[in-house]
Amino acid sequence: MITKAGSGHPGGSLSAVDLIAVLYYCVMNIRPENPGWEDRDRFILSKGHAAPAIYSILSDIGFFPKKELSTLRRIGSILQGHPDMRKVPGIDISTGSLGQGLSVAVGMAIAGKLDKKDYGVYALLGDGELQEGQVWEAAMAAAHYKLDNLMIAVDNNGLQIDGRLEEVMSPYPIEDKFRAFGWKTRPIDGHNFNEIFDAWEWARSSNDGKPSAIIAKTVKGKGVYFMENVVGFHGKAPTEEEGKDASVKLKEVLDKMNP
């Protein structure tokens, strides 16, 4: 998809896709045939540049035809470089400007409480986003308003566009920071499906008045050997040859998972 578009963010899409997949296939209460269903669970992809990850999943479960994937980033396509709620069925909020997704999630969670709805609000944040001050204002508000219907995961792949996280602006220790803001936290391997499922279920079953943060250790470019932990693939499309190679390697991974 990204190779055909000639631009996009493959590294962060591959680090995040396992976390999103478990959520959509195993956890969230949604109706692809009715994307606007009032009682659906909500999801905010705060790191909006990882849009290819959620586009793939939404098309696979029926929110829109898979043929749309080949139109990524084209003029007139519903699938732009960042998710657009006005065009893509299943996108609950347009995202792209980093650091804002958690604030939106807090608002949705407060609305759910005020309306006495049972839906959950889920969000995925990039670790680089934690450098934004707005994230911590939202984190403080979530604890203050006792939003135990708010569940987030931090995609901690350790790299951002300018280099290693610690070298640009370290957000560590991430768990300690969220706990200090009144959240409960859980560290996991962000590519272990059992751990991911257990963590989302742990967060969803909460009724203790605290929001939940899953700190997921991930690998940028996971599954494609020449992309893994390579900062250059934060925002660079693979060449046609690299794209074919990546498809072969990812198919091998899937075949091992489904022998």
C-alpha atoms as a PDB file:
ATOM      1  CA  MET A   1       0.000   0.000   0.000  1.00  0.00           C
ATOM      2  CA  ILE A   2       2.705   2.485   1.038  1.00  0.00           C
ATOM      3  CA  THR A   3       5.013   1.417  -1.784  1.00  0.00           C
ATOM      4  CA  LYS A   4       2.294   2.077  -4.331  1.00  0.00           C
ATOM      5  CA  ALA A   5       1.546   5.462  -2.773  1.00  0.00           C
ATOM      6  CA  GLY A   6       5.221   6.398  -2.847  1.00  0.00           C
ATOM      7  CA  SER A   7       4.979   7.977   0.600  1.00  0.00           C
ATOM      8  CA  GLY A   8       3.827   7.092   4.085  1.00  0.00           C
ATOM      9  CA  HIS A   9       4.974   5.771   7.426  1.00  0.00           C
ATOM     10  CA  PRO A  10       5.734   2.036   7.332  1.00  0.00           C
ATOM     11  CA  GLY A  11       7.860   1.792  10.505  1.00  0.00           C
ATOM     12  CA  GLY A  12       5.290   3.124  12.956  1.00  0.00           C
ATOM     13  CA  SER A  13       2.449   1.318  11.199  1.00  0.00           C
ATOM     14  CA  LEU A  14       4.165  -2.031  11.665  1.00  0.00           C
ATOM     15  CA  SER A  15       5.034  -1.336  15.303  1.00  0.00           C
ATOM     16  CA  ALA A  16       1.407  -0.454  16.096  1.00  0.00           C
ATOM     17  CA  VAL A  17      -0.614  -2.865  13.996  1.00  0.00           C
ATOM     18  CA  ASP A  18      -0.598  -5.800  16.443  1.00  0.00           C
ATOM     19  CA  LEU A  19      -2.007  -3.625  19.222  1.00  0.00           C
ATOM     20  CA  ILE A  20      -4.772  -2.305  16.972  1.00  0.00           C
ATOM     21  CA  ALA A  21      -5.562  -5.701  15.436  1.00  0.00           C
ATOM     22  CA  VAL A  22      -6.221  -7.394  18.785  1.00  0.00           C
ATOM     23  CA  LEU A  23      -8.426  -4.494  19.770  1.00  0.00           C
ATOM     24  CA  TYR A  24     -10.590  -4.618  16.637  1.00  0.00           C
ATOM     25  CA  TYR A  25     -10.717  -8.394  16.151  1.00  0.00           C
ATOM     26  CA  CYS A  26     -11.053  -9.495  19.778  1.00  0.00           C
ATOM     27  CA  VAL A  27     -12.011  -6.687  22.147  1.00  0.00           C
ATOM     28  CA  MET A  28     -14.058  -3.803  20.783  1.00  0.00           C
ATOM     29  CA  ASN A  29     -17.817  -3.841  20.430  1.00  0.00           C
ATOM     30  CA  ILE A  30     -18.432  -2.460  16.925  1.00  0.00           C
ATOM     31  CA  ARG A  31     -20.695  -2.950  13.927  1.00  0.00           C
ATOM     32  CA  PRO A  32     -18.921  -2.542  10.555  1.00  0.00           C
ATOM     33  CA  GLU A  33     -22.302  -2.452   8.819  1.00  0.00           C
ATOM     34  CA  ASN A  34     -23.272   0.515  11.012  1.00  0.00           C
ATOM     35  CA  PRO A  35     -20.124   2.605  11.679  1.00  0.00           C
ATOM     36  CA  GLY A  36     -22.096   5.328  13.458  1.00  0.00           C
ATOM     37  CA  TRP A  37     -23.830   2.987  15.884  1.00  0.00           C
ATOM     38  CA  GLU A  38     -24.302   5.120  19.001  1.00  0.00           C
ATOM     39  CA  ASP A  39     -23.264   2.493  21.534  1.00  0.00           C
ATOM     40  CA  ARG A  40     -20.099   1.346  19.752  1.00  0.00           C
ATOM     41  CA  ASP A  41     -16.718   1.405  21.463  1.00  0.00           C
ATOM     42  CA  ARG A  42     -14.585   4.324  20.272  1.00  0.00           C
ATOM     43  CA  PHE A  43     -10.989   4.227  19.030  1.00  0.00           C
ATOM     44  CA  ILE A  44      -8.607   7.134  18.509  1.00  0.00           C
ATOM     45  CA  LEU A  45      -5.407   6.584  16.534  1.00  0.00           C
ATOM     46  CA  SER A  46      -3.556   9.479  18.102  1.00  0.00           C
ATOM     47  CA  LYS A  47      -0.390   8.744  16.082  1.00  0.00           C
ATOM     48  CA  GLY A  48      -2.361   9.411  12.918  1.00  0.00           C
ATOM     49  CA  HIS A  49       0.584   8.873  10.570  1.00  0.00           C
ATOM     50  CA  ALA A  50       0.222   5.122  11.266  1.00  0.00           C
ATOM     51  CA  ALA A  51      -3.005   5.258   9.259  1.00  0.00           C
ATOM     52  CA  PRO A  52      -2.099   2.312   6.971  1.00  0.00           C
ATOM     53  CA  ALA A  53      -2.327   0.019  10.010  1.00  0.00           C
ATOM     54  CA  ILE A  54      -5.926   0.917  10.808  1.00  0.00           C
ATOM     55  CA  TYR A  55      -6.956   1.207   7.141  1.00  0.00           C
ATOM     56  CA  SER A  56      -5.897  -2.425   6.585  1.00  0.00           C
ATOM     57  CA  ILE A  57      -7.914  -3.615   9.564  1.00  0.00           C
ATOM     58  CA  LEU A  58     -11.032  -1.568   8.851  1.00  0.00           C
ATOM     59  CA  SER A  59     -11.169  -2.837   5.272  1.00  0.00           C
ATOM     60  CA  ASP A  60     -10.565  -6.424   6.352  1.00  0.00           C
ATOM     61  CA  ILE A  61     -13.519  -6.415   8.754  1.00  0.00           C
ATOM     62  CA  GLY A  62     -15.845  -4.738   6.297  1.00  0.00           C
ATOM     63  CA  PHE A  63     -15.983  -1.015   6.972  1.00  0.00           C
ATOM     64  CA  PHE A  64     -15.067  -0.294   3.336  1.00  0.00           C
ATOM     65  CA  PRO A  65     -13.961  -2.308   0.264  1.00  0.00           C
ATOM     66  CA  LYS A  66     -10.360  -3.578   0.209  1.00  0.00           C
ATOM     67  CA  LYS A  67      -9.872  -2.134  -3.268  1.00  0.00           C
ATOM     68  CA  GLU A  68      -9.685   1.300  -1.627  1.00  0.00           C
ATOM     69  CA  LEU A  69      -6.318   0.370  -0.085  1.00  0.00           C
ATOM     70  CA  SER A  70      -4.596   0.778  -3.442  1.00  0.00           C
ATOM     71  CA  THR A  71      -5.695   4.435  -3.518  1.00  0.00           C
ATOM     72  CA  LEU A  72      -3.788   5.476  -0.394  1.00  0.00           C
ATOM     73  CA  ARG A  73      -2.718   9.132  -0.497  1.00  0.00           C
ATOM     74  CA  ARG A  74      -4.124   9.735  -3.977  1.00  0.00           C
ATOM     75  CA  ILE A  75      -6.084  12.903  -4.660  1.00  0.00           C
ATOM     76  CA  GLY A  76      -9.771  12.123  -4.190  1.00  0.00           C
ATOM     77  CA  SER A  77      -9.161   8.930  -2.202  1.00  0.00           C
ATOM     78  CA  ILE A  78     -10.955   8.407   1.096  1.00  0.00           C
ATOM     79  CA  LEU A  79      -7.616   7.154   2.478  1.00  0.00           C
ATOM     80  CA  GLN A  80      -5.342  10.107   3.052  1.00  0.00           C
ATOM     81  CA  GLY A  81      -2.049  10.160   4.924  1.00  0.00           C
ATOM     82  CA  HIS A  82      -3.872  10.715   8.201  1.00  0.00           C
ATOM     83  CA  PRO A  83      -7.327   9.351   9.134  1.00  0.00           C
ATOM     84  CA  ASP A  84     -10.258  11.560   8.103  1.00  0.00           C
ATOM     85  CA  MET A  85     -13.523  10.886   9.964  1.00  0.00           C
ATOM     86  CA  ARG A  86     -15.497  12.671   7.235  1.00  0.00           C
ATOM     87  CA  LYS A  87     -14.401  10.186   4.575  1.00  0.00           C
ATOM     88  CA  VAL A  88     -13.443   6.861   6.154  1.00  0.00           C
ATOM     89  CA  PRO A  89     -16.181   4.676   7.684  1.00  0.00           C
ATOM     90  CA  GLY A  90     -15.052   3.475  11.100  1.00  0.00           C
ATOM     91  CA  ILE A  91     -12.778   6.428  11.914  1.00  0.00           C
ATOM     92  CA  ASP A  92     -14.131   8.066  15.072  1.00  0.00           C
ATOM     93  CA  ILE A  93     -11.960  11.190  14.924  1.00  0.00           C
ATOM     94  CA  SER A  94      -9.568  12.773  12.452  1.00  0.00           C
ATOM     95  CA  THR A  95      -6.003  12.708  13.774  1.00  0.00           C
ATOM     96  CA  GLY A  96      -2.588  13.834  12.704  1.00  0.00           C
ATOM     97  CA  SER A  97      -1.351  16.616  14.932  1.00  0.00           C
ATOM     98  CA  LEU A  98       0.522  14.654  17.564  1.00  0.00           C
ATOM     99  CA  GLY A  99      -0.407  14.970  21.219  1.00  0.00           C
ATOM    100  CA  GLN A 100      -4.085  15.772  20.691  1.00  0.00           C
ATOM    101  CA  GLY A 101      -5.625  12.313  20.574  1.00  0.00           C
ATOM    102  CA  LEU A 102      -5.660  11.759  24.318  1.00  0.00           C
ATOM    103  CA  SER A 103      -7.520  15.024  24.869  1.00  0.00           C
ATOM    104  CA  VAL A 104     -10.220  13.884  22.426  1.00  0.00           C
ATOM    105  CA  ALA A 105     -10.373  10.502  24.126  1.00  0.00           C
ATOM    106  CA  VAL A 106     -10.859  12.185  27.504  1.00  0.00           C
ATOM    107  CA  GLY A 107     -13.745  14.200  26.089  1.00  0.00           C
ATOM    108  CA  MET A 108     -15.380  11.089  24.637  1.00  0.00           C
ATOM    109  CA  ALA A 109     -14.953   9.229  27.925  1.00  0.00           C
ATOM    110  CA  ILE A 110     -16.500  12.101  29.909  1.00  0.00           C
ATOM    111  CA  ALA A 111     -19.416  12.156  27.456  1.00  0.00           C
ATOM    112  CA  GLY A 112     -19.914   8.436  27.962  1.00  0.00           C
ATOM    113  CA  LYS A 113     -20.056   8.913  31.718  1.00  0.00           C
ATOM    114  CA  LEU A 114     -22.474  11.845  31.501  1.00  0.00           C
ATOM    115  CA  ASP A 115     -24.747   9.957  29.099  1.00  0.00           C
ATOM    116  CA  LYS A 116     -24.527   6.811  31.262  1.00  0.00           C
ATOM    117  CA  LYS A 117     -23.315   4.761  28.300  1.00  0.00           C
ATOM    118  CA  ASP A 118     -21.381   1.518  28.598  1.00  0.00           C
ATOM    119  CA  TYR A 119     -19.072   2.029  25.641  1.00  0.00           C
ATOM    120  CA  GLY A 120     -15.313   2.130  26.176  1.00  0.00           C
ATOM    121  CA  VAL A 121     -12.908   4.671  24.715  1.00  0.00           C
ATOM    122  CA  TYR A 122      -9.597   3.306  23.447  1.00  0.00           C
ATOM    123  CA  ALA A 123      -6.618   5.251  22.136  1.00  0.00           C
ATOM    124  CA  LEU A 124      -3.181   4.451  20.764  1.00  0.00           C
ATOM    125  CA  LEU A 125      -0.381   6.947  21.338  1.00  0.00           C
ATOM    126  CA  GLY A 126       3.134   7.001  19.953  1.00  0.00           C
ATOM    127  CA  ASP A 127       5.953   7.254  22.464  1.00  0.00           C
ATOM    128  CA  GLY A 128       7.237  10.397  20.731  1.00  0.00           C
ATOM    129  CA  GLU A 129       3.859  11.993  21.364  1.00  0.00           C
ATOM    130  CA  LEU A 130       4.556  11.937  25.062  1.00  0.00           C
ATOM    131  CA  GLN A 131       6.887  14.879  24.478  1.00  0.00           C
ATOM    132  CA  GLU A 132       3.803  17.040  23.934  1.00  0.00           C
ATOM    133  CA  GLY A 133       2.564  18.937  26.999  1.00  0.00           C
ATOM    134  CA  GLN A 134      -1.076  18.500  26.042  1.00  0.00           C
ATOM    135  CA  VAL A 135      -0.768  14.752  26.663  1.00  0.00           C
ATOM    136  CA  TRP A 136      -0.082  15.349  30.335  1.00  0.00           C
ATOM    137  CA  GLU A 137      -2.855  17.896  30.756  1.00  0.00           C
ATOM    138  CA  ALA A 138      -5.225  15.263  29.365  1.00  0.00           C
ATOM    139  CA  ALA A 139      -3.701  12.555  31.574  1.00  0.00           C
ATOM    140  CA  MET A 140      -4.289  14.742  34.624  1.00  0.00           C
ATOM    141  CA  ALA A 141      -7.899  15.392  33.596  1.00  0.00           C
ATOM    142  CA  ALA A 142      -8.576  11.681  32.987  1.00  0.00           C
ATOM    143  CA  ALA A 143      -7.574  10.795  36.524  1.00  0.00           C
ATOM    144  CA  HIS A 144      -9.373  13.803  38.016  1.00  0.00           C
ATOM    145  CA  TYR A 145     -12.653  12.776  36.382  1.00  0.00           C
ATOM    146  CA  LYS A 146     -12.140   9.102  37.315  1.00  0.00           C
ATOM    147  CA  LEU A 147     -12.374   7.866  33.722  1.00  0.00           C
ATOM    148  CA  ASP A 148     -12.107   4.120  34.145  1.00  0.00           C
ATOM    149  CA  ASN A 149     -13.835   3.829  30.751  1.00  0.00           C
ATOM    150  CA  LEU A 150     -10.668   5.236  29.111  1.00  0.00           C
ATOM    151  CA  MET A 151      -7.968   2.797  28.002  1.00  0.00           C
ATOM    152  CA  ILE A 152      -4.813   3.682  26.103  1.00  0.00           C
ATOM    153  CA  ALA A 153      -1.748   1.908  24.765  1.00  0.00           C
ATOM    154  CA  VAL A 154       1.602   3.592  24.193  1.00  0.00           C
ATOM    155  CA  ASP A 155       3.458   2.226  21.160  1.00  0.00           C
ATOM    156  CA  ASN A 156       6.956   2.341  22.664  1.00  0.00           C
ATOM    157  CA  ASN A 157       9.176   1.568  19.672  1.00  0.00           C
ATOM    158  CA  GLY A 158      11.861   3.943  20.932  1.00  0.00           C
ATOM    159  CA  LEU A 159      12.384   5.824  17.657  1.00  0.00           C
ATOM    160  CA  GLN A 160      11.014   8.987  16.128  1.00  0.00           C
ATOM    161  CA  ILE A 161      11.701  10.841  12.917  1.00  0.00           C
ATOM    162  CA  ASP A 162      14.841  12.561  14.221  1.00  0.00           C
ATOM    163  CA  GLY A 163      16.398   9.581  15.964  1.00  0.00           C
ATOM    164  CA  ARG A 164      16.254   7.684  19.237  1.00  0.00           C
ATOM    165  CA  LEU A 165      13.720   8.923  21.739  1.00  0.00           C
ATOM    166  CA  GLU A 166      16.254   9.394  24.513  1.00  0.00           C
ATOM    167  CA  GLU A 167      18.423  11.553  22.273  1.00  0.00           C
ATOM    168  CA  VAL A 168      15.577  13.830  21.112  1.00  0.00           C
ATOM    169  CA  MET A 169      13.602  14.228  24.360  1.00  0.00           C
ATOM    170  CA  SER A 170      13.277  11.299  26.733  1.00  0.00           C
ATOM    171  CA  PRO A 171       9.771  10.507  28.041  1.00  0.00           C
ATOM    172  CA  TYR A 172      11.072   7.749  30.319  1.00  0.00           C
ATOM    173  CA  PRO A 173      10.124   6.272  32.722  1.00  0.00           C
ATOM    174  CA  ILE A 174       6.737   6.178  31.014  1.00  0.00           C
ATOM    175  CA  GLU A 175       4.993   3.910  33.516  1.00  0.00           C
ATOM    176  CA  ASP A 176       6.080   5.993  36.485  1.00  0.00           C
ATOM    177  CA  LYS A 177       4.835   9.163  34.835  1.00  0.00           C
ATOM    178  CA  PHE A 178       1.338   7.791  34.154  1.00  0.00           C
ATOM    179  CA  ARG A 179       1.130   6.364  37.680  1.00  0.00           C
ATOM    180  CA  ALA A 180       2.128   9.742  39.076  1.00  0.00           C
ATOM    181  CA  PHE A 181      -0.802  11.237  37.173  1.00  0.00           C
ATOM    182  CA  GLY A 182      -3.217   8.763  38.811  1.00  0.00           C
ATOM    183  CA  TRP A 183      -3.389   6.046  36.160  1.00  0.00           C
ATOM    184  CA  LYS A 184      -2.828   2.344  36.552  1.00  0.00           C
ATOM    185  CA  THR A 185      -0.310   0.866  34.140  1.00  0.00           C
ATOM    186  CA  ARG A 186       0.734  -2.443  32.661  1.00  0.00           C
ATOM    187  CA  PRO A 187       3.910  -3.142  30.639  1.00  0.00           C
ATOM    188  CA  ILE A 188       3.685  -5.709  27.846  1.00  0.00           C
ATOM    189  CA  ASP A 189       5.421  -7.057  24.769  1.00  0.00           C
ATOM    190  CA  GLY A 190       3.527  -5.204  22.048  1.00  0.00           C
ATOM    191  CA  HIS A 191       3.955  -8.041  19.563  1.00  0.00           C
ATOM    192  CA  ASN A 192       2.811 -10.891  21.821  1.00  0.00           C
ATOM    193  CA  PHE A 193      -0.864 -11.424  21.014  1.00  0.00           C
ATOM    194  CA  ASN A 194      -1.652 -13.180  24.291  1.00  0.00           C
ATOM    195  CA  GLU A 195      -0.132 -10.350  26.322  1.00  0.00           C
ATOM    196  CA  ILE A 196      -1.899  -7.739  24.214  1.00  0.00           C
ATOM    197  CA  PHE A 197      -5.295  -9.426  24.599  1.00  0.00           C
ATOM    198  CA  ASP A 198      -4.862  -9.893  28.353  1.00  0.00           C
ATOM    199  CA  ALA A 199      -3.860  -6.256  28.741  1.00  0.00           C
ATOM    200  CA  TRP A 200      -6.819  -4.857  26.805  1.00  0.00           C
ATOM    201  CA  GLU A 201      -9.157  -7.157  28.788  1.00  0.00           C
ATOM    202  CA  TRP A 202      -7.510  -6.016  32.047  1.00  0.00           C
ATOM    203  CA  ALA A 203      -8.106  -2.416  31.072  1.00  0.00           C
ATOM    204  CA  ARG A 204     -11.671  -2.997  29.881  1.00  0.00           C
ATOM    205  CA  SER A 205     -12.735  -4.768  33.053  1.00  0.00           C
ATOM    206  CA  SER A 206     -11.641  -1.865  35.240  1.00  0.00           C
ATOM    207  CA  ASN A 207     -14.195  -0.174  37.474  1.00  0.00           C
ATOM    208  CA  ASP A 208     -11.909   1.362  40.055  1.00  0.00           C
ATOM    209  CA  GLY A 209     -12.184   4.954  38.892  1.00  0.00           C
ATOM    210  CA  LYS A 210      -8.742   4.980  37.281  1.00  0.00           C
ATOM    211  CA  PRO A 211      -7.882   5.213  33.568  1.00  0.00           C
ATOM    212  CA  SER A 212      -5.597   2.479  32.199  1.00  0.00           C
ATOM    213  CA  ALA A 213      -2.318   2.802  30.288  1.00  0.00           C
ATOM    214  CA  ILE A 214      -0.709  -0.172  28.564  1.00  0.00           C
ATOM    215  CA  ILE A 215       2.974   0.490  27.906  1.00  0.00           C
ATOM    216  CA  ALA A 216       3.784  -1.756  24.939  1.00  0.00           C
ATOM    217  CA  LYS A 217       7.407  -2.412  24.020  1.00  0.00           C
ATOM    218  CA  THR A 218       7.434  -2.637  20.233  1.00  0.00           C
ATOM    219  CA  VAL A 219       9.820  -2.732  17.282  1.00  0.00           C
ATOM    220  CA  LYS A 220       9.660  -0.107  14.592  1.00  0.00           C
ATOM    221  CA  GLY A 221       9.197  -1.861  11.246  1.00  0.00           C
ATOM    222  CA  LYS A 222       8.323  -5.139  12.978  1.00  0.00           C
ATOM    223  CA  GLY A 223       8.280  -8.143  10.654  1.00  0.00           C
ATOM    224  CA  VAL A 224      10.359  -6.675   7.814  1.00  0.00           C
ATOM    225  CA  TYR A 225      14.054  -7.348   8.388  1.00  0.00           C
ATOM    226  CA  PHE A 226      15.392  -4.302   6.579  1.00  0.00           C
ATOM    227  CA  MET A 227      13.002  -1.952   8.364  1.00  0.00           C
ATOM    228  CA  GLU A 228      13.275  -3.174  11.956  1.00  0.00           C
ATOM    229  CA  ASN A 229      14.698  -0.476  14.225  1.00  0.00           C
ATOM    230  CA  VAL A 230      15.750   1.647  11.238  1.00  0.00           C
ATOM    231  CA  VAL A 231      14.790   5.238  11.920  1.00  0.00           C
ATOM    232  CA  GLY A 232      14.835   6.099   8.204  1.00  0.00           C
ATOM    233  CA  PHE A 233      11.674   4.083   7.672  1.00  0.00           C
ATOM    234  CA  HIS A 234       9.707   6.340  10.017  1.00  0.00           C
ATOM    235  CA  GLY A 235       8.412   8.276   7.025  1.00  0.00           C
ATOM    236  CA  LYS A 236       9.932   6.724   3.905  1.00  0.00           C
ATOM    237  CA  ALA A 237       8.139   4.444   1.472  1.00  0.00           C
ATOM    238  CA  PRO A 238       9.888   1.229   0.436  1.00  0.00           C
ATOM    239  CA  THR A 239      11.020   1.037  -3.171  1.00  0.00           C
ATOM    240  CA  GLU A 240       9.090  -1.315  -5.438  1.00  0.00           C
ATOM    241  CA  GLU A 241      11.721  -4.012  -4.919  1.00  0.00           C
ATOM    242  CA  GLU A 242      11.742  -3.459  -1.147  1.00  0.00           C
ATOM    243  CA  GLY A 243       7.947  -3.522  -1.123  1.00  0.00           C
ATOM    244  CA  LYS A 244       7.856  -6.920  -2.822  1.00  0.00           C
ATOM    245  CA  ASP A 245      10.491  -8.223  -0.422  1.00  0.00           C
ATOM    246  CA  ALA A 246       8.533  -6.897   2.560  1.00  0.00           C
ATOM    247  CA  SER A 247       5.341  -8.572   1.322  1.00  0.00           C
ATOM    248  CA  VAL A 248       7.148 -11.918   1.074  1.00  0.00           C
ATOM    249  CA  LYS A 249       8.585 -11.599   4.571  1.00  0.00           C
ATOM    250  CA  LEU A 250       5.265 -10.569   6.114  1.00  0.00           C
ATOM    251  CA  LYS A 251       3.524 -13.483   4.390  1.00  0.00           C
ATOM    252  CA  GLU A 252       6.120 -15.824   5.892  1.00  0.00           C
ATOM    253  CA  VAL A 253       5.308 -14.406   9.329  1.00  0.00           C
ATOM    254  CA  LEU A 254       1.571 -14.913   8.763  1.00  0.00           C
ATOM    255  CA  ASP A 255       2.107 -18.454   7.476  1.00  0.00           C
ATOM    256  CA  LYS A 256       4.007 -19.322  10.662  1.00  0.00           C
ATOM    257  CA  MET A 257       1.134 -17.919  12.731  1.00  0.00           C
ATOM    258  CA  ASN A 258      -1.467 -19.871  10.719  1.00  0.00           C
ATOM    259  CA  PRO A 259       0.243 -23.128   9.631  1.00  0.00           C
END
